[in-house]
Amino acid sequence: MAGIGRLSTKDSVLLLCDMQEKFRPNIFQFTNIVSNAARLLQASRVLGIPSILTEQYPKGLGPTVPELGAEGLTAHAKTSFTMMIDVVEKELQALGNPKQAILQTDRLFALSRLKQSGAYLTTTEAVLLQLVQDAKHPNFKEIQRLLTHPSPDTDLLGFISAL
């Protein structure tokens, strides 16, 4: 039971879903959400955690925003309203079907639905610290640098604690 809700680098994947330019004016707290996701992506690269990126209809909605720092990742174009498209499922299979998915902050109802499905809702800082687990971790100093500034508030914290 002690491992329930705990993250490990060995069996995790970071999912980066549809952080595109055209969504900027329409998604509440978009800049702060991307900022948190960018830190998770940096940490994933340091810790060797694979990342999967999707873009919703990039021809019409534009590319992933540059401040995410997703250079080098293949953006999987999609038109469906789920990230679990065939190419993503195949990529997950190739990764050995990771047991833990790390997601960026999303909308309120999606968070509620995830929690009802058994997901553990937590903060960017908690994810980073759980992944290294100990100050003795060889990459701890690099991850610690990502923690020097607090996560920007996405105005969802009150909602999450109410769940």
N, C-alpha and C. Protein backbone atom coordinates (compact mmCIF):
# COMPACT_ATOMS: atom_id res chain seq x y z
N MET A 1 0.81 -1.21 0.00
CA MET A 1 0.00 0.00 0.00
C MET A 1 0.85 1.26 0.00
N ALA A 2 2.08 1.19 0.50
CA ALA A 2 2.90 2.39 0.60
C ALA A 2 3.21 2.99 -0.76
N GLY A 3 3.19 2.17 -1.84
CA GLY A 3 3.53 2.66 -3.16
C GLY A 3 2.37 3.28 -3.92
N ILE A 4 1.16 3.18 -3.39
CA ILE A 4 0.00 3.70 -4.11
C ILE A 4 0.10 5.22 -4.21
N GLY A 5 -0.04 5.73 -5.40
CA GLY A 5 0.03 7.17 -5.62
C GLY A 5 1.44 7.70 -5.72
N ARG A 6 2.44 6.85 -5.62
CA ARG A 6 3.84 7.26 -5.72
C ARG A 6 4.31 7.13 -7.16
N LEU A 7 5.14 8.07 -7.56
CA LEU A 7 5.69 8.04 -8.91
C LEU A 7 7.09 7.44 -8.90
N SER A 8 7.46 6.86 -10.02
CA SER A 8 8.84 6.41 -10.20
C SER A 8 9.25 6.75 -11.63
N THR A 9 10.52 6.97 -11.82
CA THR A 9 11.00 7.31 -13.16
C THR A 9 10.94 6.10 -14.09
N LYS A 10 11.04 4.93 -13.53
CA LYS A 10 11.12 3.70 -14.32
C LYS A 10 9.85 3.40 -15.11
N ASP A 11 8.71 3.75 -14.55
CA ASP A 11 7.46 3.29 -15.15
C ASP A 11 6.52 4.45 -15.47
N SER A 12 7.09 5.63 -15.77
CA SER A 12 6.29 6.83 -16.02
C SER A 12 6.45 7.32 -17.45
N VAL A 13 5.46 8.08 -17.88
CA VAL A 13 5.50 8.77 -19.16
C VAL A 13 4.84 10.14 -18.95
N LEU A 14 5.39 11.16 -19.60
CA LEU A 14 4.79 12.50 -19.55
C LEU A 14 3.95 12.68 -20.80
N LEU A 15 2.68 13.03 -20.61
CA LEU A 15 1.77 13.26 -21.72
C LEU A 15 1.52 14.76 -21.86
N LEU A 16 1.83 15.30 -23.02
CA LEU A 16 1.68 16.73 -23.31
C LEU A 16 0.65 16.88 -24.42
N CYS A 17 -0.52 17.36 -24.03
CA CYS A 17 -1.66 17.33 -24.93
C CYS A 17 -2.05 18.72 -25.42
N ASP A 18 -1.90 18.96 -26.71
CA ASP A 18 -2.52 20.08 -27.42
C ASP A 18 -2.23 21.46 -26.82
N MET A 19 -0.98 21.78 -26.56
CA MET A 19 -0.63 23.11 -26.04
C MET A 19 -0.21 23.99 -27.22
N GLN A 20 -1.23 24.43 -27.96
CA GLN A 20 -1.00 25.12 -29.22
C GLN A 20 -1.38 26.59 -29.16
N GLU A 21 -0.79 27.32 -30.07
CA GLU A 21 -0.92 28.78 -30.11
C GLU A 21 -2.37 29.27 -30.14
N LYS A 22 -3.20 28.65 -30.93
CA LYS A 22 -4.58 29.12 -31.06
C LYS A 22 -5.39 28.93 -29.78
N PHE A 23 -4.92 28.06 -28.87
CA PHE A 23 -5.63 27.85 -27.61
C PHE A 23 -5.29 28.92 -26.58
N ARG A 24 -4.21 29.65 -26.81
CA ARG A 24 -3.72 30.63 -25.84
C ARG A 24 -4.81 31.57 -25.32
N PRO A 25 -5.59 32.22 -26.19
CA PRO A 25 -6.59 33.15 -25.66
C PRO A 25 -7.83 32.48 -25.07
N ASN A 26 -8.01 31.19 -25.32
CA ASN A 26 -9.25 30.53 -24.93
C ASN A 26 -9.14 29.63 -23.71
N ILE A 27 -7.94 29.31 -23.28
CA ILE A 27 -7.77 28.42 -22.13
C ILE A 27 -7.35 29.26 -20.93
N PHE A 28 -8.15 29.17 -19.89
CA PHE A 28 -7.90 29.91 -18.66
C PHE A 28 -6.53 29.53 -18.09
N GLN A 29 -5.73 30.54 -17.77
CA GLN A 29 -4.40 30.36 -17.18
C GLN A 29 -3.45 29.60 -18.11
N PHE A 30 -3.61 29.74 -19.40
CA PHE A 30 -2.81 29.00 -20.38
C PHE A 30 -1.32 29.17 -20.15
N THR A 31 -0.86 30.41 -19.97
CA THR A 31 0.58 30.67 -19.80
C THR A 31 1.13 29.93 -18.59
N ASN A 32 0.39 29.93 -17.48
CA ASN A 32 0.86 29.25 -16.27
C ASN A 32 0.82 27.74 -16.42
N ILE A 33 -0.17 27.24 -17.12
CA ILE A 33 -0.26 25.80 -17.37
C ILE A 33 0.93 25.34 -18.20
N VAL A 34 1.26 26.10 -19.25
CA VAL A 34 2.41 25.76 -20.09
C VAL A 34 3.70 25.85 -19.29
N SER A 35 3.81 26.85 -18.42
CA SER A 35 5.01 27.00 -17.59
C SER A 35 5.23 25.77 -16.71
N ASN A 36 4.17 25.28 -16.08
CA ASN A 36 4.28 24.07 -15.26
C ASN A 36 4.64 22.86 -16.11
N ALA A 37 4.01 22.74 -17.27
CA ALA A 37 4.29 21.61 -18.16
C ALA A 37 5.74 21.67 -18.66
N ALA A 38 6.25 22.87 -18.91
CA ALA A 38 7.64 23.02 -19.37
C ALA A 38 8.61 22.52 -18.31
N ARG A 39 8.33 22.82 -17.04
CA ARG A 39 9.21 22.31 -15.96
C ARG A 39 9.15 20.80 -15.88
N LEU A 40 7.96 20.23 -16.03
CA LEU A 40 7.86 18.77 -16.02
C LEU A 40 8.61 18.16 -17.20
N LEU A 41 8.54 18.80 -18.35
CA LEU A 41 9.27 18.31 -19.52
C LEU A 41 10.78 18.39 -19.29
N GLN A 42 11.26 19.49 -18.73
CA GLN A 42 12.69 19.60 -18.42
C GLN A 42 13.13 18.49 -17.47
N ALA A 43 12.34 18.26 -16.43
CA ALA A 43 12.67 17.21 -15.47
C ALA A 43 12.64 15.84 -16.13
N SER A 44 11.67 15.61 -16.99
CA SER A 44 11.57 14.33 -17.68
C SER A 44 12.81 14.07 -18.52
N ARG A 45 13.30 15.11 -19.16
CA ARG A 45 14.52 14.95 -19.96
C ARG A 45 15.72 14.63 -19.07
N VAL A 46 15.84 15.31 -17.95
CA VAL A 46 16.94 15.06 -17.01
C VAL A 46 16.88 13.63 -16.48
N LEU A 47 15.68 13.16 -16.18
CA LEU A 47 15.50 11.87 -15.53
C LEU A 47 15.27 10.71 -16.49
N GLY A 48 15.25 11.00 -17.79
CA GLY A 48 15.07 9.93 -18.78
C GLY A 48 13.66 9.39 -18.86
N ILE A 49 12.68 10.22 -18.53
CA ILE A 49 11.28 9.82 -18.62
C ILE A 49 10.79 10.17 -20.02
N PRO A 50 10.23 9.23 -20.76
CA PRO A 50 9.75 9.54 -22.11
C PRO A 50 8.57 10.51 -22.08
N SER A 51 8.47 11.30 -23.12
CA SER A 51 7.38 12.28 -23.25
C SER A 51 6.68 12.06 -24.58
N ILE A 52 5.36 12.22 -24.57
CA ILE A 52 4.55 12.09 -25.78
C ILE A 52 3.76 13.38 -25.96
N LEU A 53 3.82 13.94 -27.17
CA LEU A 53 3.20 15.23 -27.48
C LEU A 53 2.16 15.06 -28.59
N THR A 54 0.98 15.65 -28.37
CA THR A 54 -0.02 15.66 -29.43
C THR A 54 -0.40 17.10 -29.78
N GLU A 55 -0.91 17.27 -30.98
CA GLU A 55 -1.44 18.55 -31.44
C GLU A 55 -2.79 18.31 -32.08
N GLN A 56 -3.76 19.09 -31.67
CA GLN A 56 -5.10 19.00 -32.24
C GLN A 56 -5.15 19.79 -33.54
N TYR A 57 -5.39 19.11 -34.65
CA TYR A 57 -5.53 19.73 -35.97
C TYR A 57 -4.55 20.90 -36.16
N PRO A 58 -3.23 20.60 -36.19
CA PRO A 58 -2.23 21.67 -36.26
C PRO A 58 -2.35 22.56 -37.49
N LYS A 59 -2.91 22.04 -38.58
CA LYS A 59 -3.08 22.87 -39.78
C LYS A 59 -3.97 24.08 -39.48
N GLY A 60 -4.97 23.88 -38.65
CA GLY A 60 -5.88 24.98 -38.33
C GLY A 60 -5.58 25.66 -37.00
N LEU A 61 -5.02 24.92 -36.04
CA LEU A 61 -4.83 25.46 -34.70
C LEU A 61 -3.38 25.84 -34.39
N GLY A 62 -2.51 25.60 -35.35
CA GLY A 62 -1.12 26.02 -35.19
C GLY A 62 -0.29 25.01 -34.42
N PRO A 63 1.01 25.31 -34.30
CA PRO A 63 1.95 24.39 -33.65
C PRO A 63 1.91 24.53 -32.13
N THR A 64 2.61 23.63 -31.48
CA THR A 64 2.81 23.71 -30.03
C THR A 64 3.56 25.00 -29.72
N VAL A 65 3.17 25.66 -28.63
CA VAL A 65 3.80 26.93 -28.27
C VAL A 65 5.28 26.72 -27.97
N PRO A 66 6.13 27.65 -28.41
CA PRO A 66 7.58 27.45 -28.23
C PRO A 66 8.03 27.42 -26.77
N GLU A 67 7.33 28.14 -25.89
CA GLU A 67 7.78 28.18 -24.50
C GLU A 67 7.63 26.85 -23.77
N LEU A 68 6.94 25.87 -24.36
CA LEU A 68 6.89 24.55 -23.76
C LEU A 68 8.28 23.90 -23.81
N GLY A 69 9.05 24.25 -24.84
CA GLY A 69 10.38 23.66 -24.97
C GLY A 69 10.35 22.24 -25.49
N ALA A 70 9.42 21.95 -26.37
CA ALA A 70 9.21 20.58 -26.85
C ALA A 70 10.03 20.25 -28.10
N GLU A 71 11.06 21.05 -28.38
CA GLU A 71 11.90 20.75 -29.54
C GLU A 71 12.46 19.34 -29.41
N GLY A 72 12.48 18.64 -30.52
CA GLY A 72 13.00 17.28 -30.51
C GLY A 72 11.93 16.23 -30.28
N LEU A 73 10.74 16.62 -29.82
CA LEU A 73 9.64 15.67 -29.67
C LEU A 73 8.83 15.64 -30.96
N THR A 74 8.37 14.48 -31.34
CA THR A 74 7.48 14.36 -32.48
C THR A 74 6.07 14.70 -32.03
N ALA A 75 5.48 15.69 -32.67
CA ALA A 75 4.09 16.06 -32.36
C ALA A 75 3.16 15.18 -33.18
N HIS A 76 2.32 14.42 -32.50
CA HIS A 76 1.38 13.55 -33.18
C HIS A 76 0.09 14.33 -33.47
N ALA A 77 -0.15 14.60 -34.75
CA ALA A 77 -1.34 15.34 -35.15
C ALA A 77 -2.57 14.46 -34.98
N LYS A 78 -3.67 15.11 -34.56
CA LYS A 78 -4.91 14.36 -34.36
C LYS A 78 -6.10 15.26 -34.62
N THR A 79 -7.24 14.64 -34.85
CA THR A 79 -8.49 15.39 -34.97
C THR A 79 -9.50 14.91 -33.93
N SER A 80 -9.21 13.79 -33.29
CA SER A 80 -10.12 13.28 -32.26
C SER A 80 -9.91 14.04 -30.96
N PHE A 81 -10.89 13.97 -30.07
CA PHE A 81 -10.83 14.70 -28.81
C PHE A 81 -10.33 13.83 -27.67
N THR A 82 -9.33 13.04 -27.99
CA THR A 82 -8.64 12.22 -27.00
C THR A 82 -7.18 12.17 -27.40
N MET A 83 -6.32 11.96 -26.44
CA MET A 83 -4.91 11.82 -26.73
C MET A 83 -4.57 10.37 -27.11
N MET A 84 -5.48 9.45 -26.79
CA MET A 84 -5.21 8.03 -27.01
C MET A 84 -5.53 7.60 -28.45
N ILE A 85 -4.81 8.18 -29.38
CA ILE A 85 -4.94 7.82 -30.79
C ILE A 85 -4.02 6.63 -31.06
N ASP A 86 -4.19 5.98 -32.19
CA ASP A 86 -3.43 4.76 -32.50
C ASP A 86 -1.92 4.94 -32.36
N VAL A 87 -1.39 6.03 -32.91
CA VAL A 87 0.06 6.21 -32.88
C VAL A 87 0.57 6.40 -31.44
N VAL A 88 -0.21 7.04 -30.59
CA VAL A 88 0.17 7.21 -29.18
C VAL A 88 0.10 5.86 -28.47
N GLU A 89 -0.94 5.09 -28.73
CA GLU A 89 -1.05 3.76 -28.11
C GLU A 89 0.12 2.87 -28.53
N LYS A 90 0.52 2.95 -29.80
CA LYS A 90 1.68 2.17 -30.27
C LYS A 90 2.95 2.63 -29.59
N GLU A 91 3.11 3.95 -29.40
CA GLU A 91 4.29 4.48 -28.72
C GLU A 91 4.32 4.01 -27.27
N LEU A 92 3.17 4.00 -26.61
CA LEU A 92 3.09 3.51 -25.24
C LEU A 92 3.46 2.03 -25.16
N GLN A 93 2.99 1.25 -26.13
CA GLN A 93 3.34 -0.18 -26.17
C GLN A 93 4.84 -0.35 -26.35
N ALA A 94 5.44 0.46 -27.24
CA ALA A 94 6.88 0.38 -27.47
C ALA A 94 7.67 0.75 -26.21
N LEU A 95 7.07 1.56 -25.35
CA LEU A 95 7.71 1.95 -24.09
C LEU A 95 7.46 0.93 -22.98
N GLY A 96 6.77 -0.17 -23.31
CA GLY A 96 6.49 -1.19 -22.30
C GLY A 96 5.23 -0.90 -21.49
N ASN A 97 4.32 -0.12 -22.05
CA ASN A 97 3.07 0.25 -21.38
C ASN A 97 3.30 0.80 -19.97
N PRO A 98 3.86 2.00 -19.89
CA PRO A 98 4.12 2.61 -18.57
C PRO A 98 2.86 2.61 -17.71
N LYS A 99 3.04 2.43 -16.42
CA LYS A 99 1.91 2.34 -15.48
C LYS A 99 1.49 3.70 -14.95
N GLN A 100 2.34 4.71 -15.10
CA GLN A 100 2.05 6.03 -14.54
C GLN A 100 2.15 7.09 -15.62
N ALA A 101 1.10 7.88 -15.74
CA ALA A 101 1.08 8.99 -16.69
C ALA A 101 1.10 10.30 -15.91
N ILE A 102 1.99 11.18 -16.32
CA ILE A 102 2.06 12.51 -15.72
C ILE A 102 1.42 13.46 -16.72
N LEU A 103 0.41 14.23 -16.26
CA LEU A 103 -0.33 15.15 -17.12
C LEU A 103 -0.15 16.58 -16.61
N GLN A 104 -0.23 17.54 -17.48
CA GLN A 104 -0.27 18.94 -17.05
C GLN A 104 -1.65 19.29 -16.54
N THR A 105 -1.74 20.41 -15.81
CA THR A 105 -3.03 20.87 -15.28
C THR A 105 -4.02 21.00 -16.42
N ASP A 106 -5.24 20.59 -16.18
CA ASP A 106 -6.26 20.65 -17.22
C ASP A 106 -7.53 21.25 -16.63
N ARG A 107 -8.59 21.19 -17.33
CA ARG A 107 -9.84 21.81 -16.91
C ARG A 107 -10.45 21.13 -15.69
N LEU A 108 -11.32 21.86 -15.03
CA LEU A 108 -11.90 21.42 -13.77
C LEU A 108 -12.64 20.09 -13.87
N PHE A 109 -13.49 19.93 -14.86
CA PHE A 109 -14.26 18.70 -14.97
C PHE A 109 -13.36 17.52 -15.31
N ALA A 110 -12.33 17.78 -16.10
CA ALA A 110 -11.39 16.70 -16.42
C ALA A 110 -10.67 16.25 -15.15
N LEU A 111 -10.29 17.18 -14.28
CA LEU A 111 -9.64 16.81 -13.03
C LEU A 111 -10.58 15.98 -12.16
N SER A 112 -11.82 16.40 -12.08
CA SER A 112 -12.80 15.67 -11.30
C SER A 112 -12.97 14.25 -11.84
N ARG A 113 -13.06 14.13 -13.13
CA ARG A 113 -13.24 12.82 -13.75
C ARG A 113 -12.01 11.93 -13.53
N LEU A 114 -10.82 12.52 -13.64
CA LEU A 114 -9.61 11.77 -13.40
C LEU A 114 -9.56 11.24 -11.97
N LYS A 115 -9.93 12.09 -11.01
CA LYS A 115 -9.91 11.66 -9.60
C LYS A 115 -10.92 10.54 -9.39
N GLN A 116 -12.09 10.66 -9.98
CA GLN A 116 -13.11 9.61 -9.85
C GLN A 116 -12.61 8.29 -10.45
N SER A 117 -11.71 8.38 -11.41
CA SER A 117 -11.18 7.18 -12.06
C SER A 117 -9.97 6.61 -11.33
N GLY A 118 -9.59 7.25 -10.22
CA GLY A 118 -8.48 6.73 -9.43
C GLY A 118 -7.17 7.46 -9.60
N ALA A 119 -7.16 8.55 -10.34
CA ALA A 119 -5.92 9.33 -10.51
C ALA A 119 -5.60 10.07 -9.22
N TYR A 120 -4.33 10.29 -8.98
CA TYR A 120 -3.87 11.06 -7.83
C TYR A 120 -3.52 12.46 -8.32
N LEU A 121 -4.21 13.45 -7.78
CA LEU A 121 -3.97 14.83 -8.16
C LEU A 121 -2.92 15.41 -7.22
N THR A 122 -1.91 16.07 -7.79
CA THR A 122 -0.83 16.60 -6.99
C THR A 122 -0.24 17.82 -7.66
N THR A 123 0.80 18.37 -7.09
CA THR A 123 1.42 19.59 -7.61
C THR A 123 2.64 19.26 -8.47
N THR A 124 3.06 20.24 -9.25
CA THR A 124 4.27 20.09 -10.06
C THR A 124 5.46 19.78 -9.17
N GLU A 125 5.59 20.50 -8.05
CA GLU A 125 6.72 20.29 -7.13
C GLU A 125 6.72 18.88 -6.56
N ALA A 126 5.53 18.39 -6.18
CA ALA A 126 5.45 17.04 -5.62
C ALA A 126 5.86 15.99 -6.65
N VAL A 127 5.46 16.19 -7.90
CA VAL A 127 5.86 15.26 -8.96
C VAL A 127 7.38 15.23 -9.07
N LEU A 128 8.00 16.41 -9.13
CA LEU A 128 9.46 16.47 -9.29
C LEU A 128 10.18 15.79 -8.13
N LEU A 129 9.75 16.06 -6.91
CA LEU A 129 10.41 15.47 -5.74
C LEU A 129 10.15 13.97 -5.63
N GLN A 130 8.95 13.53 -5.99
CA GLN A 130 8.67 12.08 -5.95
C GLN A 130 9.50 11.32 -6.96
N LEU A 131 9.76 11.95 -8.11
CA LEU A 131 10.53 11.25 -9.13
C LEU A 131 11.98 11.03 -8.71
N VAL A 132 12.58 11.97 -7.99
CA VAL A 132 13.96 11.75 -7.53
C VAL A 132 14.00 11.02 -6.19
N GLN A 133 12.93 11.11 -5.40
CA GLN A 133 12.71 10.39 -4.15
C GLN A 133 13.67 10.72 -3.02
N ASP A 134 14.89 11.17 -3.31
CA ASP A 134 15.88 11.37 -2.26
C ASP A 134 16.91 12.39 -2.73
N ALA A 135 17.44 13.17 -1.80
CA ALA A 135 18.47 14.16 -2.13
C ALA A 135 19.74 13.47 -2.63
N LYS A 136 19.85 12.17 -2.42
CA LYS A 136 21.03 11.41 -2.88
C LYS A 136 20.92 11.02 -4.36
N HIS A 137 19.76 11.26 -4.97
CA HIS A 137 19.57 10.90 -6.38
C HIS A 137 20.62 11.63 -7.21
N PRO A 138 21.23 10.97 -8.20
CA PRO A 138 22.30 11.62 -8.98
C PRO A 138 21.86 12.88 -9.73
N ASN A 139 20.57 13.03 -10.02
CA ASN A 139 20.09 14.22 -10.73
C ASN A 139 19.38 15.20 -9.81
N PHE A 140 19.48 15.01 -8.50
CA PHE A 140 18.73 15.85 -7.57
C PHE A 140 19.03 17.33 -7.75
N LYS A 141 20.29 17.70 -7.90
CA LYS A 141 20.65 19.13 -8.01
C LYS A 141 20.00 19.77 -9.24
N GLU A 142 19.97 19.04 -10.35
CA GLU A 142 19.32 19.57 -11.56
C GLU A 142 17.82 19.77 -11.33
N ILE A 143 17.19 18.80 -10.69
CA ILE A 143 15.76 18.90 -10.41
C ILE A 143 15.51 20.00 -9.39
N GLN A 144 16.37 20.13 -8.41
CA GLN A 144 16.24 21.17 -7.39
C GLN A 144 16.23 22.56 -8.02
N ARG A 145 17.02 22.75 -9.08
CA ARG A 145 17.04 24.04 -9.78
C ARG A 145 15.68 24.36 -10.40
N LEU A 146 14.95 23.33 -10.80
CA LEU A 146 13.62 23.55 -11.36
C LEU A 146 12.61 23.96 -10.29
N LEU A 147 12.99 23.79 -9.03
CA LEU A 147 12.10 24.12 -7.92
C LEU A 147 12.39 25.48 -7.31
N THR A 148 13.34 26.23 -7.88
CA THR A 148 13.73 27.50 -7.26
C THR A 148 12.62 28.54 -7.29
N HIS A 149 11.72 28.44 -8.25
CA HIS A 149 10.58 29.36 -8.32
C HIS A 149 9.31 28.55 -8.12
N PRO A 150 8.38 29.05 -7.31
CA PRO A 150 7.13 28.30 -7.11
C PRO A 150 6.33 28.22 -8.40
N SER A 151 5.53 27.19 -8.49
CA SER A 151 4.66 27.04 -9.66
C SER A 151 3.71 28.21 -9.75
N PRO A 152 3.48 28.74 -10.96
CA PRO A 152 2.48 29.80 -11.08
C PRO A 152 1.11 29.24 -10.75
N ASP A 153 0.30 30.05 -10.13
CA ASP A 153 -1.04 29.64 -9.71
C ASP A 153 -1.96 29.55 -10.92
N THR A 154 -2.60 28.42 -11.09
CA THR A 154 -3.54 28.23 -12.19
C THR A 154 -4.97 28.41 -11.73
N ASP A 155 -5.15 28.89 -10.49
CA ASP A 155 -6.46 29.10 -9.90
C ASP A 155 -7.29 27.83 -9.81
N LEU A 156 -6.62 26.68 -9.83
CA LEU A 156 -7.33 25.41 -9.71
C LEU A 156 -7.07 24.75 -8.37
N LEU A 157 -6.15 25.30 -7.57
CA LEU A 157 -5.77 24.66 -6.31
C LEU A 157 -6.95 24.54 -5.36
N GLY A 158 -7.77 25.57 -5.24
CA GLY A 158 -8.93 25.51 -4.37
C GLY A 158 -9.90 24.44 -4.82
N PHE A 159 -10.06 24.32 -6.12
CA PHE A 159 -10.96 23.31 -6.66
C PHE A 159 -10.44 21.91 -6.37
N ILE A 160 -9.13 21.73 -6.56
CA ILE A 160 -8.54 20.41 -6.34
C ILE A 160 -8.70 19.98 -4.89
N SER A 161 -8.46 20.91 -3.96
CA SER A 161 -8.58 20.53 -2.55
C SER A 161 -10.02 20.23 -2.18
N ALA A 162 -10.97 20.81 -2.90
CA ALA A 162 -12.39 20.52 -2.64
C ALA A 162 -12.79 19.14 -3.14
N LEU A 163 -12.01 18.58 -4.07
CA LEU A 163 -12.32 17.25 -4.58
C LEU A 163 -12.06 16.27 -3.50
